[in-house]
All heavy atoms as atom14 arrays in JSON, in Angstrom:
{
  "sequence": "PRGQRTDDNKICRECMGSPDCYDWLYLGFMAMLPLVLHWFFI",
  "atom14_mask": [
    [1, 1, 1, 1, 1, 1, 1, 0, 0, 0, 0, 0, 0, 0],
    [1, 1, 1, 1, 1, 1, 1, 1, 1, 1, 1, 0, 0, 0],
    [1, 1, 1, 1, 0, 0, 0, 0, 0, 0, 0, 0, 0, 0],
    [1, 1, 1, 1, 1, 1, 1, 1, 1, 0, 0, 0, 0, 0],
    [1, 1, 1, 1, 1, 1, 1, 1, 1, 1, 1, 0, 0, 0],
    [1, 1, 1, 1, 1, 1, 1, 0, 0, 0, 0, 0, 0, 0],
    [1, 1, 1, 1, 1, 1, 1, 1, 0, 0, 0, 0, 0, 0],
    [1, 1, 1, 1, 1, 1, 1, 1, 0, 0, 0, 0, 0, 0],
    [1, 1, 1, 1, 1, 1, 1, 1, 0, 0, 0, 0, 0, 0],
    [1, 1, 1, 1, 1, 1, 1, 1, 1, 0, 0, 0, 0, 0],
    [1, 1, 1, 1, 1, 1, 1, 1, 0, 0, 0, 0, 0, 0],
    [1, 1, 1, 1, 1, 1, 0, 0, 0, 0, 0, 0, 0, 0],
    [1, 1, 1, 1, 1, 1, 1, 1, 1, 1, 1, 0, 0, 0],
    [1, 1, 1, 1, 1, 1, 1, 1, 1, 0, 0, 0, 0, 0],
    [1, 1, 1, 1, 1, 1, 0, 0, 0, 0, 0, 0, 0, 0],
    [1, 1, 1, 1, 1, 1, 1, 1, 0, 0, 0, 0, 0, 0],
    [1, 1, 1, 1, 0, 0, 0, 0, 0, 0, 0, 0, 0, 0],
    [1, 1, 1, 1, 1, 1, 0, 0, 0, 0, 0, 0, 0, 0],
    [1, 1, 1, 1, 1, 1, 1, 0, 0, 0, 0, 0, 0, 0],
    [1, 1, 1, 1, 1, 1, 1, 1, 0, 0, 0, 0, 0, 0],
    [1, 1, 1, 1, 1, 1, 0, 0, 0, 0, 0, 0, 0, 0],
    [1, 1, 1, 1, 1, 1, 1, 1, 1, 1, 1, 1, 0, 0],
    [1, 1, 1, 1, 1, 1, 1, 1, 0, 0, 0, 0, 0, 0],
    [1, 1, 1, 1, 1, 1, 1, 1, 1, 1, 1, 1, 1, 1],
    [1, 1, 1, 1, 1, 1, 1, 1, 0, 0, 0, 0, 0, 0],
    [1, 1, 1, 1, 1, 1, 1, 1, 1, 1, 1, 1, 0, 0],
    [1, 1, 1, 1, 1, 1, 1, 1, 0, 0, 0, 0, 0, 0],
    [1, 1, 1, 1, 0, 0, 0, 0, 0, 0, 0, 0, 0, 0],
    [1, 1, 1, 1, 1, 1, 1, 1, 1, 1, 1, 0, 0, 0],
    [1, 1, 1, 1, 1, 1, 1, 1, 0, 0, 0, 0, 0, 0],
    [1, 1, 1, 1, 1, 0, 0, 0, 0, 0, 0, 0, 0, 0],
    [1, 1, 1, 1, 1, 1, 1, 1, 0, 0, 0, 0, 0, 0],
    [1, 1, 1, 1, 1, 1, 1, 1, 0, 0, 0, 0, 0, 0],
    [1, 1, 1, 1, 1, 1, 1, 0, 0, 0, 0, 0, 0, 0],
    [1, 1, 1, 1, 1, 1, 1, 1, 0, 0, 0, 0, 0, 0],
    [1, 1, 1, 1, 1, 1, 1, 0, 0, 0, 0, 0, 0, 0],
    [1, 1, 1, 1, 1, 1, 1, 1, 0, 0, 0, 0, 0, 0],
    [1, 1, 1, 1, 1, 1, 1, 1, 1, 1, 0, 0, 0, 0],
    [1, 1, 1, 1, 1, 1, 1, 1, 1, 1, 1, 1, 1, 1],
    [1, 1, 1, 1, 1, 1, 1, 1, 1, 1, 1, 0, 0, 0],
    [1, 1, 1, 1, 1, 1, 1, 1, 1, 1, 1, 0, 0, 0],
    [1, 1, 1, 1, 1, 1, 1, 1, 0, 0, 0, 0, 0, 0]
  ],
  "atom14_positions": [
    [[0.83, -1.21, 0.0], [0.0, 0.0, 0.0], [0.86, 1.26, 0.0], [2.04, 1.23, 0.38], [-0.8, -0.13, 1.31], [-0.75, -1.57, 1.66], [0.57, -2.07, 1.16], [0.0, 0.0, 0.0], [0.0, 0.0, 0.0], [0.0, 0.0, 0.0], [0.0, 0.0, 0.0], [0.0, 0.0, 0.0], [0.0, 0.0, 0.0], [0.0, 0.0, 0.0]],
    [[0.27, 2.36, -0.42], [1.0, 3.63, -0.47], [1.45, 4.03, 0.94], [0.7, 3.92, 1.9], [0.12, 4.74, -1.06], [0.86, 6.03, -1.31], [0.05, 6.99, -2.15], [0.8, 8.18, -2.52], [0.77, 9.32, -1.85], [-0.01, 9.44, -0.79], [1.48, 10.35, -2.25], [0.0, 0.0, 0.0], [0.0, 0.0, 0.0], [0.0, 0.0, 0.0]],
    [[2.65, 4.47, 1.05], [3.21, 4.82, 2.35], [3.94, 3.67, 3.01], [4.41, 3.81, 4.14], [0.0, 0.0, 0.0], [0.0, 0.0, 0.0], [0.0, 0.0, 0.0], [0.0, 0.0, 0.0], [0.0, 0.0, 0.0], [0.0, 0.0, 0.0], [0.0, 0.0, 0.0], [0.0, 0.0, 0.0], [0.0, 0.0, 0.0], [0.0, 0.0, 0.0]],
    [[4.03, 2.54, 2.32], [4.75, 1.38, 2.83], [5.75, 0.9, 1.78], [5.6, 1.16, 0.6], [3.79, 0.24, 3.17], [2.77, 0.56, 4.25], [1.9, -0.63, 4.61], [2.23, -1.77, 4.27], [0.8, -0.38, 5.3], [0.0, 0.0, 0.0], [0.0, 0.0, 0.0], [0.0, 0.0, 0.0], [0.0, 0.0, 0.0], [0.0, 0.0, 0.0]],
    [[6.77, 0.18, 2.26], [7.69, -0.49, 1.37], [8.21, -1.75, 2.04], [8.07, -1.91, 3.27], [8.83, 0.4, 0.91], [9.84, 0.77, 1.96], [11.02, 1.5, 1.33], [11.73, 0.64, 0.39], [12.7, 1.08, -0.43], [13.03, 2.36, -0.45], [13.31, 0.25, -1.25], [0.0, 0.0, 0.0], [0.0, 0.0, 0.0], [0.0, 0.0, 0.0]],
    [[8.79, -2.64, 1.28], [9.19, -3.93, 1.82], [10.46, -3.82, 2.68], [11.33, -2.97, 2.42], [9.46, -4.93, 0.68], [10.45, -4.39, -0.21], [8.19, -5.2, -0.1], [0.0, 0.0, 0.0], [0.0, 0.0, 0.0], [0.0, 0.0, 0.0], [0.0, 0.0, 0.0], [0.0, 0.0, 0.0], [0.0, 0.0, 0.0], [0.0, 0.0, 0.0]],
    [[10.52, -4.68, 3.7], [11.74, -4.79, 4.49], [12.6, -5.93, 3.93], [12.34, -6.44, 2.85], [11.41, -4.99, 5.96], [10.6, -6.26, 6.21], [10.45, -7.07, 5.28], [10.09, -6.43, 7.34], [0.0, 0.0, 0.0], [0.0, 0.0, 0.0], [0.0, 0.0, 0.0], [0.0, 0.0, 0.0], [0.0, 0.0, 0.0], [0.0, 0.0, 0.0]],
    [[13.61, -6.33, 4.68], [14.51, -7.37, 4.2], [13.82, -8.73, 4.08], [14.3, -9.61, 3.36], [15.72, -7.49, 5.14], [16.57, -6.24, 5.14], [16.53, -5.51, 4.12], [17.25, -5.97, 6.15], [0.0, 0.0, 0.0], [0.0, 0.0, 0.0], [0.0, 0.0, 0.0], [0.0, 0.0, 0.0], [0.0, 0.0, 0.0], [0.0, 0.0, 0.0]],
    [[12.7, -8.9, 4.79], [11.97, -10.16, 4.76], [10.8, -10.15, 3.79], [9.94, -11.03, 3.85], [11.48, -10.52, 6.17], [12.61, -10.71, 7.16], [13.62, -11.33, 6.82], [12.46, -10.15, 8.35], [0.0, 0.0, 0.0], [0.0, 0.0, 0.0], [0.0, 0.0, 0.0], [0.0, 0.0, 0.0], [0.0, 0.0, 0.0], [0.0, 0.0, 0.0]],
    [[10.75, -9.11, 2.92], [9.69, -8.98, 1.93], [8.31, -8.77, 2.58], [7.29, -9.22, 2.06], [9.62, -10.22, 1.01], [10.84, -10.39, 0.11], [10.87, -9.28, -0.93], [12.01, -9.51, -1.91], [12.02, -8.45, -2.96], [0.0, 0.0, 0.0], [0.0, 0.0, 0.0], [0.0, 0.0, 0.0], [0.0, 0.0, 0.0], [0.0, 0.0, 0.0]],
    [[8.3, -8.09, 3.71], [7.06, -7.74, 4.4], [6.84, -6.25, 4.24], [7.77, -5.44, 4.41], [7.12, -8.11, 5.9], [7.5, -9.58, 6.07], [5.78, -7.82, 6.56], [6.55, -10.55, 5.4], [0.0, 0.0, 0.0], [0.0, 0.0, 0.0], [0.0, 0.0, 0.0], [0.0, 0.0, 0.0], [0.0, 0.0, 0.0], [0.0, 0.0, 0.0]],
    [[5.62, -5.84, 3.9], [5.32, -4.42, 3.72], [5.26, -3.75, 5.09], [4.46, -4.14, 5.96], [3.99, -4.25, 2.99], [3.99, -4.89, 1.3], [0.0, 0.0, 0.0], [0.0, 0.0, 0.0], [0.0, 0.0, 0.0], [0.0, 0.0, 0.0], [0.0, 0.0, 0.0], [0.0, 0.0, 0.0], [0.0, 0.0, 0.0], [0.0, 0.0, 0.0]],
    [[6.09, -2.77, 5.3], [6.13, -2.03, 6.56], [5.87, -0.55, 6.28], [6.34, 0.01, 5.3], [7.49, -2.18, 7.24], [7.9, -3.63, 7.54], [7.01, -4.25, 8.57], [7.45, -5.6, 8.9], [6.77, -6.42, 9.69], [5.61, -6.04, 10.21], [7.24, -7.63, 9.96], [0.0, 0.0, 0.0], [0.0, 0.0, 0.0], [0.0, 0.0, 0.0]],
    [[5.14, 0.08, 7.18], [4.82, 1.49, 7.03], [6.08, 2.33, 7.22], [6.88, 2.07, 8.12], [3.74, 1.91, 8.03], [3.23, 3.32, 7.79], [2.04, 3.65, 8.68], [1.7, 2.82, 9.55], [1.45, 4.73, 8.5], [0.0, 0.0, 0.0], [0.0, 0.0, 0.0], [0.0, 0.0, 0.0], [0.0, 0.0, 0.0], [0.0, 0.0, 0.0]],
    [[6.25, 3.32, 6.37], [7.42, 4.21, 6.46], [7.18, 5.22, 7.57], [6.24, 6.03, 7.49], [7.64, 4.92, 5.13], [7.95, 3.81, 3.75], [0.0, 0.0, 0.0], [0.0, 0.0, 0.0], [0.0, 0.0, 0.0], [0.0, 0.0, 0.0], [0.0, 0.0, 0.0], [0.0, 0.0, 0.0], [0.0, 0.0, 0.0], [0.0, 0.0, 0.0]],
    [[8.01, 5.2, 8.58], [7.85, 6.1, 9.72], [9.02, 7.08, 9.84], [9.11, 7.82, 10.81], [7.73, 5.28, 11.0], [6.54, 4.32, 11.02], [4.96, 5.15, 10.71], [4.88, 6.25, 12.14], [0.0, 0.0, 0.0], [0.0, 0.0, 0.0], [0.0, 0.0, 0.0], [0.0, 0.0, 0.0], [0.0, 0.0, 0.0], [0.0, 0.0, 0.0]],
    [[9.9, 7.07, 8.85], [11.05, 7.98, 8.91], [10.69, 9.38, 8.46], [9.55, 9.69, 8.07], [0.0, 0.0, 0.0], [0.0, 0.0, 0.0], [0.0, 0.0, 0.0], [0.0, 0.0, 0.0], [0.0, 0.0, 0.0], [0.0, 0.0, 0.0], [0.0, 0.0, 0.0], [0.0, 0.0, 0.0], [0.0, 0.0, 0.0], [0.0, 0.0, 0.0]],
    [[11.66, 10.26, 8.49], [11.5, 11.65, 8.04], [12.55, 11.92, 6.96], [13.61, 11.3, 6.96], [11.69, 12.62, 9.2], [10.71, 12.4, 10.2], [0.0, 0.0, 0.0], [0.0, 0.0, 0.0], [0.0, 0.0, 0.0], [0.0, 0.0, 0.0], [0.0, 0.0, 0.0], [0.0, 0.0, 0.0], [0.0, 0.0, 0.0], [0.0, 0.0, 0.0]],
    [[12.26, 12.82, 6.05], [13.25, 13.16, 5.02], [14.53, 13.68, 5.65], [14.49, 14.47, 6.61], [12.55, 14.24, 4.19], [11.1, 14.07, 4.47], [11.0, 13.57, 5.88], [0.0, 0.0, 0.0], [0.0, 0.0, 0.0], [0.0, 0.0, 0.0], [0.0, 0.0, 0.0], [0.0, 0.0, 0.0], [0.0, 0.0, 0.0], [0.0, 0.0, 0.0]],
    [[15.67, 13.24, 5.14], [16.93, 13.76, 5.65], [17.27, 15.07, 4.96], [16.5, 15.58, 4.14], [18.06, 12.73, 5.49], [18.26, 12.3, 4.03], [17.86, 13.07, 3.13], [18.81, 11.21, 3.79], [0.0, 0.0, 0.0], [0.0, 0.0, 0.0], [0.0, 0.0, 0.0], [0.0, 0.0, 0.0], [0.0, 0.0, 0.0], [0.0, 0.0, 0.0]],
    [[18.41, 15.63, 5.3], [18.8, 16.94, 4.76], [18.84, 16.94, 3.25], [18.36, 17.87, 2.6], [20.16, 17.34, 5.35], [20.78, 18.93, 4.75], [0.0, 0.0, 0.0], [0.0, 0.0, 0.0], [0.0, 0.0, 0.0], [0.0, 0.0, 0.0], [0.0, 0.0, 0.0], [0.0, 0.0, 0.0], [0.0, 0.0, 0.0], [0.0, 0.0, 0.0]],
    [[19.4, 15.88, 2.66], [19.51, 15.82, 1.2], [18.14, 15.74, 0.55], [17.92, 16.34, -0.52], [20.35, 14.61, 0.8], [20.69, 14.56, -0.66], [21.77, 15.28, -1.17], [19.93, 13.8, -1.56], [22.1, 15.24, -2.52], [20.25, 13.76, -2.9], [21.32, 14.47, -3.39], [21.63, 14.45, -4.72], [0.0, 0.0, 0.0], [0.0, 0.0, 0.0]],
    [[17.2, 15.02, 1.17], [15.84, 14.94, 0.64], [15.19, 16.32, 0.6], [14.53, 16.68, -0.37], [14.99, 13.99, 1.48], [15.47, 12.54, 1.38], [16.12, 12.21, 0.38], [15.19, 11.77, 2.32], [0.0, 0.0, 0.0], [0.0, 0.0, 0.0], [0.0, 0.0, 0.0], [0.0, 0.0, 0.0], [0.0, 0.0, 0.0], [0.0, 0.0, 0.0]],
    [[15.35, 17.07, 1.68], [14.77, 18.42, 1.71], [15.42, 19.33, 0.69], [14.76, 20.18, 0.07], [14.92, 19.03, 3.12], [13.96, 18.49, 4.12], [14.23, 17.75, 5.22], [12.52, 18.66, 4.12], [13.08, 17.44, 5.92], [12.02, 17.99, 5.26], [11.62, 19.31, 3.27], [10.65, 17.95, 5.57], [10.27, 19.28, 3.57], [9.8, 18.61, 4.7]],
    [[16.72, 19.18, 0.49], [17.4, 19.97, -0.53], [16.88, 19.64, -1.92], [16.72, 20.53, -2.77], [18.92, 19.73, -0.45], [19.62, 20.33, 0.76], [21.05, 19.83, 0.84], [19.6, 21.85, 0.73], [0.0, 0.0, 0.0], [0.0, 0.0, 0.0], [0.0, 0.0, 0.0], [0.0, 0.0, 0.0], [0.0, 0.0, 0.0], [0.0, 0.0, 0.0]],
    [[16.6, 18.36, -2.15], [16.02, 17.96, -3.44], [14.63, 18.59, -3.63], [14.33, 19.12, -4.7], [15.93, 16.44, -3.53], [15.04, 15.95, -4.64], [15.45, 16.02, -5.97], [13.77, 15.43, -4.38], [14.62, 15.59, -7.0], [12.95, 14.99, -5.4], [13.38, 15.07, -6.7], [12.55, 14.66, -7.72], [0.0, 0.0, 0.0], [0.0, 0.0, 0.0]],
    [[13.8, 18.5, -2.59], [12.47, 19.09, -2.68], [12.57, 20.61, -2.87], [11.77, 21.21, -3.6], [11.67, 18.77, -1.42], [11.27, 17.3, -1.24], [10.54, 17.1, 0.08], [10.41, 16.81, -2.4], [0.0, 0.0, 0.0], [0.0, 0.0, 0.0], [0.0, 0.0, 0.0], [0.0, 0.0, 0.0], [0.0, 0.0, 0.0], [0.0, 0.0, 0.0]],
    [[13.54, 21.22, -2.22], [13.74, 22.66, -2.42], [14.13, 22.99, -3.84], [13.67, 23.99, -4.42], [0.0, 0.0, 0.0], [0.0, 0.0, 0.0], [0.0, 0.0, 0.0], [0.0, 0.0, 0.0], [0.0, 0.0, 0.0], [0.0, 0.0, 0.0], [0.0, 0.0, 0.0], [0.0, 0.0, 0.0], [0.0, 0.0, 0.0], [0.0, 0.0, 0.0]],
    [[14.95, 22.15, -4.45], [15.34, 22.35, -5.85], [14.14, 22.25, -6.77], [13.93, 23.09, -7.65], [16.4, 21.32, -6.24], [16.66, 21.24, -7.72], [17.33, 22.24, -8.37], [16.22, 20.14, -8.46], [17.58, 22.16, -9.73], [16.46, 20.05, -9.81], [17.14, 21.06, -10.45], [0.0, 0.0, 0.0], [0.0, 0.0, 0.0], [0.0, 0.0, 0.0]],
    [[13.31, 21.21, -6.58], [12.14, 21.05, -7.41], [11.13, 22.18, -7.19], [10.38, 22.55, -8.1], [11.47, 19.7, -7.13], [12.35, 18.49, -7.42], [13.03, 18.46, -9.09], [11.55, 18.25, -10.07], [0.0, 0.0, 0.0], [0.0, 0.0, 0.0], [0.0, 0.0, 0.0], [0.0, 0.0, 0.0], [0.0, 0.0, 0.0], [0.0, 0.0, 0.0]],
    [[11.1, 22.73, -5.98], [10.21, 23.86, -5.69], [10.73, 25.15, -6.32], [9.94, 26.02, -6.7], [10.04, 24.03, -4.18], [0.0, 0.0, 0.0], [0.0, 0.0, 0.0], [0.0, 0.0, 0.0], [0.0, 0.0, 0.0], [0.0, 0.0, 0.0], [0.0, 0.0, 0.0], [0.0, 0.0, 0.0], [0.0, 0.0, 0.0], [0.0, 0.0, 0.0]],
    [[12.05, 25.27, -6.45], [12.64, 26.48, -7.02], [12.45, 26.56, -8.53], [12.42, 27.66, -9.08], [14.13, 26.56, -6.69], [14.45, 27.03, -5.3], [16.2, 27.42, -5.15], [16.95, 25.83, -5.51], [0.0, 0.0, 0.0], [0.0, 0.0, 0.0], [0.0, 0.0, 0.0], [0.0, 0.0, 0.0], [0.0, 0.0, 0.0], [0.0, 0.0, 0.0]],
    [[12.37, 25.42, -9.18], [12.32, 25.43, -10.65], [11.19, 26.29, -11.2], [11.45, 27.17, -12.04], [12.2, 23.99, -11.17], [13.47, 23.15, -11.12], [13.2, 21.75, -11.65], [14.58, 23.81, -11.94], [0.0, 0.0, 0.0], [0.0, 0.0, 0.0], [0.0, 0.0, 0.0], [0.0, 0.0, 0.0], [0.0, 0.0, 0.0], [0.0, 0.0, 0.0]],
    [[9.91, 26.09, -10.79], [8.86, 26.95, -11.33], [9.02, 28.4, -10.93], [8.69, 29.3, -11.72], [7.56, 26.35, -10.77], [7.98, 25.58, -9.58], [9.35, 25.06, -9.88], [0.0, 0.0, 0.0], [0.0, 0.0, 0.0], [0.0, 0.0, 0.0], [0.0, 0.0, 0.0], [0.0, 0.0, 0.0], [0.0, 0.0, 0.0], [0.0, 0.0, 0.0]],
    [[9.54, 28.67, -9.72], [9.71, 30.06, -9.29], [10.75, 30.77, -10.15], [10.53, 31.9, -10.6], [10.14, 30.08, -7.82], [10.41, 31.47, -7.23], [9.17, 32.35, -7.33], [10.88, 31.35, -5.79], [0.0, 0.0, 0.0], [0.0, 0.0, 0.0], [0.0, 0.0, 0.0], [0.0, 0.0, 0.0], [0.0, 0.0, 0.0], [0.0, 0.0, 0.0]],
    [[11.88, 30.12, -10.4], [12.93, 30.72, -11.23], [12.42, 30.94, -12.65], [12.69, 31.98, -13.27], [14.18, 29.83, -11.22], [15.21, 30.34, -12.24], [14.81, 29.8, -9.83], [0.0, 0.0, 0.0], [0.0, 0.0, 0.0], [0.0, 0.0, 0.0], [0.0, 0.0, 0.0], [0.0, 0.0, 0.0], [0.0, 0.0, 0.0], [0.0, 0.0, 0.0]],
    [[11.68, 29.99, -13.19], [11.12, 30.14, -14.54], [10.09, 31.27, -14.57], [10.02, 32.02, -15.56], [10.5, 28.83, -15.0], [11.51, 27.71, -15.31], [10.79, 26.4, -15.59], [12.39, 28.09, -16.5], [0.0, 0.0, 0.0], [0.0, 0.0, 0.0], [0.0, 0.0, 0.0], [0.0, 0.0, 0.0], [0.0, 0.0, 0.0], [0.0, 0.0, 0.0]],
    [[9.27, 31.38, -13.53], [8.33, 32.51, -13.44], [9.09, 33.83, -13.52], [8.74, 34.73, -14.3], [7.55, 32.45, -12.13], [6.34, 31.58, -12.17], [5.43, 31.59, -13.21], [5.86, 30.67, -11.27], [4.45, 30.73, -12.96], [4.7, 30.16, -11.8], [0.0, 0.0, 0.0], [0.0, 0.0, 0.0], [0.0, 0.0, 0.0], [0.0, 0.0, 0.0]],
    [[10.12, 33.96, -12.7], [10.88, 35.21, -12.65], [11.56, 35.49, -13.98], [11.6, 36.66, -14.43], [11.93, 35.13, -11.54], [11.33, 35.3, -10.17], [10.07, 35.74, -9.87], [11.98, 35.06, -8.92], [9.88, 35.77, -8.52], [11.04, 35.36, -7.9], [13.24, 34.6, -8.55], [11.35, 35.23, -6.55], [13.54, 34.48, -7.21], [12.61, 34.8, -6.22]],
    [[12.08, 34.46, -14.63], [12.75, 34.66, -15.91], [11.79, 35.21, -16.96], [12.09, 36.2, -17.64], [13.37, 33.35, -16.39], [13.92, 33.42, -17.78], [15.16, 34.0, -18.01], [13.21, 32.93, -18.87], [15.67, 34.07, -19.3], [13.71, 33.0, -20.15], [14.95, 33.57, -20.37], [0.0, 0.0, 0.0], [0.0, 0.0, 0.0], [0.0, 0.0, 0.0]],
    [[10.63, 34.58, -17.1], [9.69, 35.0, -18.14], [9.01, 36.32, -17.8], [8.69, 37.1, -18.7], [8.65, 33.91, -18.38], [9.19, 32.72, -19.14], [9.38, 31.5, -18.51], [9.54, 32.84, -20.47], [9.89, 30.42, -19.2], [10.05, 31.76, -21.18], [10.23, 30.55, -20.55], [0.0, 0.0, 0.0], [0.0, 0.0, 0.0], [0.0, 0.0, 0.0]],
    [[8.81, 36.6, -16.52], [8.27, 37.9, -16.13], [9.24, 39.0, -16.53], [8.86, 40.03, -17.1], [8.0, 37.94, -14.61], [6.8, 37.07, -14.27], [7.75, 39.38, -14.16], [6.57, 36.9, -12.78], [0.0, 0.0, 0.0], [0.0, 0.0, 0.0], [0.0, 0.0, 0.0], [0.0, 0.0, 0.0], [0.0, 0.0, 0.0], [0.0, 0.0, 0.0]]
  ]
}
């Protein structure tokens, strides 16, 4: 199901972790793309 992934024993376990620093930086990059393009075309 969505929000779960398999463990080493092939059992679906709910993901309870949090994004690490690199994950947030990636999301920040994807969030910046439309903003930078908006500013460029404006």
